[in-house]
Amino acid sequence: MTDSTSRLADFPEIWVYLSGNPLSALFLTLLAYQIGLWCYRKSGQHPFTNPVLIAVLLLAAFLQITGLSYAQYFEGAQFVHFLLGTATVSLAVPIYQGLTAVKGQTLRTLVLLTVALLVGGGLSIASALGTAHLLGANIDIFHSLWAKSVTAPIAMGVSERIGASPTLTALFAIVTGILGAAVGSWLFNAMGMKRWWVRGFTMGLAAHGIGTARAFSVHPEAGRYASLGMGLHGIFGALLIPWIFGFFG
């Protein structure tokens, strides 16, 4: 028996030990993110090596290979879930940074940002619900898509308030953020969108936290406006989505 074969044979015993330690899931989560972050830096911050995307794929592969259930994994990694509440409060920081970016802007620019926020938020909901309708999605998925373009901590709260599944909404929100961060720059280039503040605000509005992190890595001005877009979308989403859902949900 070769060394590699021997290690594979010992793997179940190793996993039995790891699964008995709740902190192992938290460690694996942080390790997966660090690997993703390493890949992102080594690739020159290529959008398809987004650290969140890589971490999600690594953890999904690990759960599939080991047969560990999501409930078991979540039991150990729930501290990360707990931090989502703190992350919601900390949104005040990027909103403040974003507001400093619009100081001295003309009234026309502020009006454009407000219109973009309302129209963009509305279209994100309409496009998701329209696609779900065409694909024949069931009512649980349909309702869980309402808040998918708002940053995950707020989206989960909104989803719970309207009676949808916070878990599904968090999944859709993360996938939305990863896709937006991965293809956003290419779409902006294809559309000839060159102003950093426009690109940043659009990225934050459509791809929330993950898109904002991507915007900061591309250009500081884009990052500040992405913070503003993400924060304002979160606030308006928390206030308006439950109200609108009451009419159409």
Foldseek 3Di string as FASTA:
>chain_A
DDPVVVVVVCVLVVVVVLLVDLQSLQVLLVVQLVVLVVVCVVVVNALLSQSVVSSVVVVVVVCVVNVPDVVSSCSSNVVVVVCLVVVLVVLVVLQVLLVVLCPPPDPVVVVVLVVCLVVVLVVQLVVVLVVCVVVVHDPQLNLLSNLLQAALSLSLVLSVVLPHHSVSSSVSNQVQLSVCSNCLVVVCVVVVPDDLLVSLLSQLQRNNPSSLVSSVSVDVNSNSSSSNNNSVSSVCCNVPSSVVVVVVD
